[in-house]
Amino acid sequence: ILPGVCIGNGAVVGSLSVVTRDVEPYTIVGGAPARLIKKRFPGAIAERIEKSAWWDWEHETLRDRLPDFRDIRLFLHKYC
């Protein structure tokens, strides 16, 4: 990953990739240089996940809500 490059939340970077530019949230990139392979979720869903900021929740809250993470649409319906 080159200096100054940002990797968005939920992004996946393939091993041995050379990341030369910013990677958008919830995308999968790989290669040298890294290129978009695919988006993990449709844009509207990715935006809602980003707005939920679940990574800022307390550990106990995360543990209690763990089953809801198994179905992203249910999760978004309940918490966003």
PDB file of N, CA and C in Angstrom:
ATOM      1  N   ILE A   1       0.872  -1.175   0.000  1.00  0.00           N
ATOM      2  CA  ILE A   1       0.000   0.000   0.000  1.00  0.00           C
ATOM      3  C   ILE A   1       0.912   1.229   0.000  1.00  0.00           C
ATOM      4  N   LEU A   2       0.786   2.034  -1.032  1.00  0.00           N
ATOM      5  CA  LEU A   2       1.618   3.226  -1.134  1.00  0.00           C
ATOM      6  C   LEU A   2       1.231   4.269  -0.095  1.00  0.00           C
ATOM      7  N   PRO A   3       2.191   5.109   0.310  1.00  0.00           N
ATOM      8  CA  PRO A   3       1.891   6.172   1.277  1.00  0.00           C
ATOM      9  C   PRO A   3       0.768   7.073   0.774  1.00  0.00           C
ATOM     10  N   GLY A   4      -0.089   7.466   1.705  1.00  0.00           N
ATOM     11  CA  GLY A   4      -1.185   8.377   1.374  1.00  0.00           C
ATOM     12  C   GLY A   4      -2.417   7.722   0.797  1.00  0.00           C
ATOM     13  N   VAL A   5      -2.362   6.410   0.560  1.00  0.00           N
ATOM     14  CA  VAL A   5      -3.508   5.690   0.008  1.00  0.00           C
ATOM     15  C   VAL A   5      -4.426   5.271   1.152  1.00  0.00           C
ATOM     16  N   CYS A   6      -5.724   5.431   0.965  1.00  0.00           N
ATOM     17  CA  CYS A   6      -6.709   5.061   1.990  1.00  0.00           C
ATOM     18  C   CYS A   6      -7.474   3.815   1.543  1.00  0.00           C
ATOM     19  N   ILE A   7      -7.687   2.911   2.487  1.00  0.00           N
ATOM     20  CA  ILE A   7      -8.487   1.705   2.258  1.00  0.00           C
ATOM     21  C   ILE A   7      -9.805   1.912   2.993  1.00  0.00           C
ATOM     22  N   GLY A   8     -10.916   1.882   2.264  1.00  0.00           N
ATOM     23  CA  GLY A   8     -12.227   2.126   2.860  1.00  0.00           C
ATOM     24  C   GLY A   8     -12.672   1.009   3.789  1.00  0.00           C
ATOM     25  N   ASN A   9     -13.604   1.330   4.670  1.00  0.00           N
ATOM     26  CA  ASN A   9     -14.181   0.340   5.577  1.00  0.00           C
ATOM     27  C   ASN A   9     -14.726  -0.841   4.795  1.00  0.00           C
ATOM     28  N   GLY A  10     -14.485  -2.033   5.286  1.00  0.00           N
ATOM     29  CA  GLY A  10     -15.051  -3.221   4.682  1.00  0.00           C
ATOM     30  C   GLY A  10     -14.427  -3.640   3.366  1.00  0.00           C
ATOM     31  N   ALA A  11     -13.389  -2.946   2.934  1.00  0.00           N
ATOM     32  CA  ALA A  11     -12.728  -3.312   1.675  1.00  0.00           C
ATOM     33  C   ALA A  11     -11.856  -4.552   1.904  1.00  0.00           C
ATOM     34  N   VAL A  12     -11.660  -5.317   0.846  1.00  0.00           N
ATOM     35  CA  VAL A  12     -10.805  -6.504   0.870  1.00  0.00           C
ATOM     36  C   VAL A  12      -9.717  -6.295  -0.169  1.00  0.00           C
ATOM     37  N   VAL A  13      -8.466  -6.462   0.275  1.00  0.00           N
ATOM     38  CA  VAL A  13      -7.326  -6.317  -0.627  1.00  0.00           C
ATOM     39  C   VAL A  13      -6.664  -7.684  -0.763  1.00  0.00           C
ATOM     40  N   GLY A  14      -6.552  -8.182  -1.984  1.00  0.00           N
ATOM     41  CA  GLY A  14      -5.943  -9.476  -2.237  1.00  0.00           C
ATOM     42  C   GLY A  14      -4.479  -9.497  -1.813  1.00  0.00           C
ATOM     43  N   SER A  15      -4.008 -10.661  -1.400  1.00  0.00           N
ATOM     44  CA  SER A  15      -2.613 -10.789  -0.985  1.00  0.00           C
ATOM     45  C   SER A  15      -1.682 -10.476  -2.151  1.00  0.00           C
ATOM     46  N   LEU A  16      -0.546  -9.913  -1.831  1.00  0.00           N
ATOM     47  CA  LEU A  16       0.494  -9.518  -2.782  1.00  0.00           C
ATOM     48  C   LEU A  16       0.059  -8.409  -3.745  1.00  0.00           C
ATOM     49  N   SER A  17      -1.077  -7.757  -3.457  1.00  0.00           N
ATOM     50  CA  SER A  17      -1.535  -6.646  -4.300  1.00  0.00           C
ATOM     51  C   SER A  17      -0.684  -5.412  -4.051  1.00  0.00           C
ATOM     52  N   VAL A  18      -0.567  -4.591  -5.073  1.00  0.00           N
ATOM     53  CA  VAL A  18       0.118  -3.311  -4.948  1.00  0.00           C
ATOM     54  C   VAL A  18      -0.968  -2.240  -5.076  1.00  0.00           C
ATOM     55  N   VAL A  19      -1.273  -1.597  -3.945  1.00  0.00           N
ATOM     56  CA  VAL A  19      -2.368  -0.623  -3.921  1.00  0.00           C
ATOM     57  C   VAL A  19      -1.781   0.761  -4.153  1.00  0.00           C
ATOM     58  N   THR A  20      -2.092   1.343  -5.306  1.00  0.00           N
ATOM     59  CA  THR A  20      -1.514   2.621  -5.716  1.00  0.00           C
ATOM     60  C   THR A  20      -2.495   3.784  -5.608  1.00  0.00           C
ATOM     61  N   ARG A  21      -3.761   3.478  -5.366  1.00  0.00           N
ATOM     62  CA  ARG A  21      -4.764   4.539  -5.221  1.00  0.00           C
ATOM     63  C   ARG A  21      -5.806   4.110  -4.210  1.00  0.00           C
ATOM     64  N   ASP A  22      -6.622   5.060  -3.758  1.00  0.00           N
ATOM     65  CA  ASP A  22      -7.619   4.791  -2.726  1.00  0.00           C
ATOM     66  C   ASP A  22      -8.549   3.649  -3.134  1.00  0.00           C
ATOM     67  N   VAL A  23      -8.972   2.887  -2.138  1.00  0.00           N
ATOM     68  CA  VAL A  23      -9.898   1.776  -2.345  1.00  0.00           C
ATOM     69  C   VAL A  23     -11.215   2.156  -1.673  1.00  0.00           C
ATOM     70  N   GLU A  24     -12.292   2.123  -2.423  1.00  0.00           N
ATOM     71  CA  GLU A  24     -13.599   2.509  -1.882  1.00  0.00           C
ATOM     72  C   GLU A  24     -14.088   1.488  -0.865  1.00  0.00           C
ATOM     73  N   PRO A  25     -14.935   1.934   0.064  1.00  0.00           N
ATOM     74  CA  PRO A  25     -15.495   1.008   1.049  1.00  0.00           C
ATOM     75  C   PRO A  25     -16.245  -0.154   0.376  1.00  0.00           C
ATOM     76  N   TYR A  26     -16.153  -1.306   0.982  1.00  0.00           N
ATOM     77  CA  TYR A  26     -16.913  -2.501   0.575  1.00  0.00           C
ATOM     78  C   TYR A  26     -16.657  -2.927  -0.870  1.00  0.00           C
ATOM     79  N   THR A  27     -15.399  -2.810  -1.289  1.00  0.00           N
ATOM     80  CA  THR A  27     -15.004  -3.315  -2.592  1.00  0.00           C
ATOM     81  C   THR A  27     -13.901  -4.355  -2.406  1.00  0.00           C
ATOM     82  N   ILE A  28     -13.684  -5.145  -3.418  1.00  0.00           N
ATOM     83  CA  ILE A  28     -12.618  -6.146  -3.419  1.00  0.00           C
ATOM     84  C   ILE A  28     -11.661  -5.758  -4.539  1.00  0.00           C
ATOM     85  N   VAL A  29     -10.370  -5.606  -4.195  1.00  0.00           N
ATOM     86  CA  VAL A  29      -9.364  -5.255  -5.189  1.00  0.00           C
ATOM     87  C   VAL A  29      -8.223  -6.259  -5.136  1.00  0.00           C
ATOM     88  N   GLY A  30      -7.497  -6.367  -6.228  1.00  0.00           N
ATOM     89  CA  GLY A  30      -6.341  -7.251  -6.259  1.00  0.00           C
ATOM     90  C   GLY A  30      -5.486  -6.988  -7.479  1.00  0.00           C
ATOM     91  N   GLY A  31      -4.247  -7.457  -7.429  1.00  0.00           N
ATOM     92  CA  GLY A  31      -3.345  -7.347  -8.562  1.00  0.00           C
ATOM     93  C   GLY A  31      -2.254  -6.329  -8.352  1.00  0.00           C
ATOM     94  N   ALA A  32      -1.441  -6.156  -9.383  1.00  0.00           N
ATOM     95  CA  ALA A  32      -0.341  -5.202  -9.341  1.00  0.00           C
ATOM     96  C   ALA A  32      -0.338  -4.421 -10.653  1.00  0.00           C
ATOM     97  N   PRO A  33      -0.877  -3.232 -10.683  1.00  0.00           N
ATOM     98  CA  PRO A  33      -1.482  -2.524  -9.556  1.00  0.00           C
ATOM     99  C   PRO A  33      -2.878  -3.065  -9.244  1.00  0.00           C
ATOM    100  N   ALA A  34      -3.311  -2.833  -8.012  1.00  0.00           N
ATOM    101  CA  ALA A  34      -4.625  -3.333  -7.587  1.00  0.00           C
ATOM    102  C   ALA A  34      -5.731  -2.695  -8.409  1.00  0.00           C
ATOM    103  N   ARG A  35      -6.660  -3.540  -8.842  1.00  0.00           N
ATOM    104  CA  ARG A  35      -7.815  -3.081  -9.615  1.00  0.00           C
ATOM    105  C   ARG A  35      -9.087  -3.668  -8.986  1.00  0.00           C
ATOM    106  N   LEU A  36     -10.195  -2.993  -9.235  1.00  0.00           N
ATOM    107  CA  LEU A  36     -11.478  -3.459  -8.720  1.00  0.00           C
ATOM    108  C   LEU A  36     -11.787  -4.842  -9.283  1.00  0.00           C
ATOM    109  N   ILE A  37     -12.093  -5.777  -8.393  1.00  0.00           N
ATOM    110  CA  ILE A  37     -12.542  -7.105  -8.803  1.00  0.00           C
ATOM    111  C   ILE A  37     -14.068  -7.134  -8.775  1.00  0.00           C
ATOM    112  N   LYS A  38     -14.626  -6.681  -7.657  1.00  0.00           N
ATOM    113  CA  LYS A  38     -16.082  -6.545  -7.569  1.00  0.00           C
ATOM    114  C   LYS A  38     -16.449  -5.779  -6.321  1.00  0.00           C
ATOM    115  N   LYS A  39     -17.696  -5.354  -6.278  1.00  0.00           N
ATOM    116  CA  LYS A  39     -18.233  -4.698  -5.090  1.00  0.00           C
ATOM    117  C   LYS A  39     -18.856  -5.775  -4.208  1.00  0.00           C
ATOM    118  N   ARG A  40     -18.670  -5.645  -2.914  1.00  0.00           N
ATOM    119  CA  ARG A  40     -19.202  -6.642  -1.997  1.00  0.00           C
ATOM    120  C   ARG A  40     -20.715  -6.544  -1.849  1.00  0.00           C
ATOM    121  N   PHE A  41     -21.257  -5.335  -1.965  1.00  0.00           N
ATOM    122  CA  PHE A  41     -22.687  -5.087  -1.820  1.00  0.00           C
ATOM    123  C   PHE A  41     -23.105  -4.039  -2.841  1.00  0.00           C
ATOM    124  N   PRO A  42     -24.388  -4.000  -3.197  1.00  0.00           N
ATOM    125  CA  PRO A  42     -24.875  -2.894  -4.017  1.00  0.00           C
ATOM    126  C   PRO A  42     -24.627  -1.569  -3.285  1.00  0.00           C
ATOM    127  N   GLY A  43     -24.494  -0.485  -4.029  1.00  0.00           N
ATOM    128  CA  GLY A  43     -24.163   0.818  -3.454  1.00  0.00           C
ATOM    129  C   GLY A  43     -25.042   1.263  -2.302  1.00  0.00           C
ATOM    130  N   ALA A  44     -26.353   1.101  -2.427  1.00  0.00           N
ATOM    131  CA  ALA A  44     -27.266   1.554  -1.378  1.00  0.00           C
ATOM    132  C   ALA A  44     -27.040   0.782  -0.079  1.00  0.00           C
ATOM    133  N   ILE A  45     -26.772  -0.502  -0.182  1.00  0.00           N
ATOM    134  CA  ILE A  45     -26.527  -1.305   1.019  1.00  0.00           C
ATOM    135  C   ILE A  45     -25.197  -0.907   1.649  1.00  0.00           C
ATOM    136  N   ALA A  46     -24.161  -0.721   0.841  1.00  0.00           N
ATOM    137  CA  ALA A  46     -22.854  -0.302   1.358  1.00  0.00           C
ATOM    138  C   ALA A  46     -22.967   1.033   2.101  1.00  0.00           C
ATOM    139  N   GLU A  47     -23.740   1.962   1.566  1.00  0.00           N
ATOM    140  CA  GLU A  47     -23.931   3.258   2.222  1.00  0.00           C
ATOM    141  C   GLU A  47     -24.611   3.094   3.576  1.00  0.00           C
ATOM    142  N   ARG A  48     -25.598   2.228   3.647  1.00  0.00           N
ATOM    143  CA  ARG A  48     -26.312   2.008   4.913  1.00  0.00           C
ATOM    144  C   ARG A  48     -25.418   1.330   5.940  1.00  0.00           C
ATOM    145  N   ILE A  49     -24.595   0.391   5.499  1.00  0.00           N
ATOM    146  CA  ILE A  49     -23.653  -0.244   6.431  1.00  0.00           C
ATOM    147  C   ILE A  49     -22.702   0.808   6.974  1.00  0.00           C
ATOM    148  N   GLU A  50     -22.193   1.648   6.105  1.00  0.00           N
ATOM    149  CA  GLU A  50     -21.269   2.707   6.503  1.00  0.00           C
ATOM    150  C   GLU A  50     -21.926   3.626   7.536  1.00  0.00           C
ATOM    151  N   LYS A  51     -23.171   3.999   7.306  1.00  0.00           N
ATOM    152  CA  LYS A  51     -23.882   4.880   8.241  1.00  0.00           C
ATOM    153  C   LYS A  51     -24.133   4.215   9.595  1.00  0.00           C
ATOM    154  N   SER A  52     -24.243   2.888   9.623  1.00  0.00           N
ATOM    155  CA  SER A  52     -24.518   2.198  10.887  1.00  0.00           C
ATOM    156  C   SER A  52     -23.356   2.323  11.865  1.00  0.00           C
ATOM    157  N   ALA A  53     -22.133   2.436  11.344  1.00  0.00           N
ATOM    158  CA  ALA A  53     -20.916   2.534  12.174  1.00  0.00           C
ATOM    159  C   ALA A  53     -20.910   1.473  13.274  1.00  0.00           C
ATOM    160  N   TRP A  54     -21.270   0.247  12.922  1.00  0.00           N
ATOM    161  CA  TRP A  54     -21.343  -0.829  13.913  1.00  0.00           C
ATOM    162  C   TRP A  54     -20.003  -1.081  14.594  1.00  0.00           C
ATOM    163  N   TRP A  55     -18.905  -0.730  13.961  1.00  0.00           N
ATOM    164  CA  TRP A  55     -17.575  -0.955  14.532  1.00  0.00           C
ATOM    165  C   TRP A  55     -17.322  -0.053  15.738  1.00  0.00           C
ATOM    166  N   ASP A  56     -18.174   0.950  15.943  1.00  0.00           N
ATOM    167  CA  ASP A  56     -18.052   1.818  17.115  1.00  0.00           C
ATOM    168  C   ASP A  56     -18.924   1.358  18.284  1.00  0.00           C
ATOM    169  N   TRP A  57     -19.711   0.299  18.079  1.00  0.00           N
ATOM    170  CA  TRP A  57     -20.569  -0.199  19.146  1.00  0.00           C
ATOM    171  C   TRP A  57     -19.727  -0.804  20.265  1.00  0.00           C
ATOM    172  N   GLU A  58     -20.273  -0.802  21.464  1.00  0.00           N
ATOM    173  CA  GLU A  58     -19.618  -1.441  22.609  1.00  0.00           C
ATOM    174  C   GLU A  58     -19.507  -2.944  22.364  1.00  0.00           C
ATOM    175  N   HIS A  59     -18.486  -3.542  22.951  1.00  0.00           N
ATOM    176  CA  HIS A  59     -18.241  -4.977  22.769  1.00  0.00           C
ATOM    177  C   HIS A  59     -19.459  -5.810  23.177  1.00  0.00           C
ATOM    178  N   GLU A  60     -20.080  -5.455  24.281  1.00  0.00           N
ATOM    179  CA  GLU A  60     -21.261  -6.200  24.750  1.00  0.00           C
ATOM    180  C   GLU A  60     -22.409  -6.107  23.743  1.00  0.00           C
ATOM    181  N   THR A  61     -22.611  -4.936  23.165  1.00  0.00           N
ATOM    182  CA  THR A  61     -23.658  -4.751  22.157  1.00  0.00           C
ATOM    183  C   THR A  61     -23.373  -5.619  20.933  1.00  0.00           C
ATOM    184  N   LEU A  62     -22.118  -5.618  20.489  1.00  0.00           N
ATOM    185  CA  LEU A  62     -21.742  -6.464  19.351  1.00  0.00           C
ATOM    186  C   LEU A  62     -22.026  -7.933  19.639  1.00  0.00           C
ATOM    187  N   ARG A  63     -21.655  -8.382  20.815  1.00  0.00           N
ATOM    188  CA  ARG A  63     -21.871  -9.787  21.180  1.00  0.00           C
ATOM    189  C   ARG A  63     -23.365 -10.119  21.184  1.00  0.00           C
ATOM    190  N   ASP A  64     -24.176  -9.223  21.733  1.00  0.00           N
ATOM    191  CA  ASP A  64     -25.621  -9.468  21.796  1.00  0.00           C
ATOM    192  C   ASP A  64     -26.268  -9.481  20.411  1.00  0.00           C
ATOM    193  N   ARG A  65     -25.728  -8.716  19.487  1.00  0.00           N
ATOM    194  CA  ARG A  65     -26.331  -8.591  18.157  1.00  0.00           C
ATOM    195  C   ARG A  65     -25.656  -9.464  17.101  1.00  0.00           C
ATOM    196  N   LEU A  66     -24.715 -10.283  17.511  1.00  0.00           N
ATOM    197  CA  LEU A  66     -23.965 -11.112  16.569  1.00  0.00           C
ATOM    198  C   LEU A  66     -24.852 -11.901  15.604  1.00  0.00           C
ATOM    199  N   PRO A  67     -25.928 -12.542  16.051  1.00  0.00           N
ATOM    200  CA  PRO A  67     -26.766 -13.291  15.105  1.00  0.00           C
ATOM    201  C   PRO A  67     -27.337 -12.421  13.973  1.00  0.00           C
ATOM    202  N   ASP A  68     -27.562 -11.144  14.254  1.00  0.00           N
ATOM    203  CA  ASP A  68     -28.132 -10.253  13.237  1.00  0.00           C
ATOM    204  C   ASP A  68     -27.157  -9.967  12.102  1.00  0.00           C
ATOM    205  N   PHE A  69     -25.869 -10.189  12.330  1.00  0.00           N
ATOM    206  CA  PHE A  69     -24.873  -9.942  11.288  1.00  0.00           C
ATOM    207  C   PHE A  69     -24.912 -11.018  10.199  1.00  0.00           C
ATOM    208  N   ARG A  70     -25.576 -12.106  10.432  1.00  0.00           N
ATOM    209  CA  ARG A  70     -25.609 -13.201   9.458  1.00  0.00           C
ATOM    210  C   ARG A  70     -26.469 -12.884   8.229  1.00  0.00           C
ATOM    211  N   ASP A  71     -27.403 -11.951   8.383  1.00  0.00           N
ATOM    212  CA  ASP A  71     -28.275 -11.545   7.265  1.00  0.00           C
ATOM    213  C   ASP A  71     -28.218 -10.023   7.164  1.00  0.00           C
ATOM    214  N   ILE A  72     -27.487  -9.512   6.193  1.00  0.00           N
ATOM    215  CA  ILE A  72     -27.251  -8.073   6.102  1.00  0.00           C
ATOM    216  C   ILE A  72     -28.536  -7.284   5.945  1.00  0.00           C
ATOM    217  N   ARG A  73     -29.506  -7.818   5.225  1.00  0.00           N
ATOM    218  CA  ARG A  73     -30.761  -7.084   5.043  1.00  0.00           C
ATOM    219  C   ARG A  73     -31.540  -6.985   6.360  1.00  0.00           C
ATOM    220  N   LEU A  74     -31.556  -8.063   7.132  1.00  0.00           N
ATOM    221  CA  LEU A  74     -32.194  -8.027   8.444  1.00  0.00           C
ATOM    222  C   LEU A  74     -31.462  -7.059   9.354  1.00  0.00           C
ATOM    223  N   PHE A  75     -30.154  -7.104   9.338  1.00  0.00           N
ATOM    224  CA  PHE A  75     -29.342  -6.195  10.146  1.00  0.00           C
ATOM    225  C   PHE A  75     -29.686  -4.742   9.834  1.00  0.00           C
ATOM    226  N   LEU A  76     -29.699  -4.406   8.562  1.00  0.00           N
ATOM    227  CA  LEU A  76     -29.981  -3.031   8.160  1.00  0.00           C
ATOM    228  C   LEU A  76     -31.404  -2.621   8.523  1.00  0.00           C
ATOM    229  N   HIS A  77     -32.344  -3.543   8.404  1.00  0.00           N
ATOM    230  CA  HIS A  77     -33.730  -3.252   8.764  1.00  0.00           C
ATOM    231  C   HIS A  77     -33.840  -2.930  10.257  1.00  0.00           C
ATOM    232  N   LYS A  78     -33.101  -3.671  11.090  1.00  0.00           N
ATOM    233  CA  LYS A  78     -33.195  -3.496  12.536  1.00  0.00           C
ATOM    234  C   LYS A  78     -32.440  -2.278  13.050  1.00  0.00           C
ATOM    235  N   TYR A  79     -31.300  -1.946  12.442  1.00  0.00           N
ATOM    236  CA  TYR A  79     -30.423  -0.969  13.044  1.00  0.00           C
ATOM    237  C   TYR A  79     -30.160   0.288  12.221  1.00  0.00           C
ATOM    238  N   CYS A  80     -30.710   0.369  11.030  1.00  0.00           N
ATOM    239  CA  CYS A  80     -30.436   1.560  10.212  1.00  0.00           C
ATOM    240  C   CYS A  80     -31.714   2.197   9.704  1.00  0.00           C
TER     241      CYS A  80
END
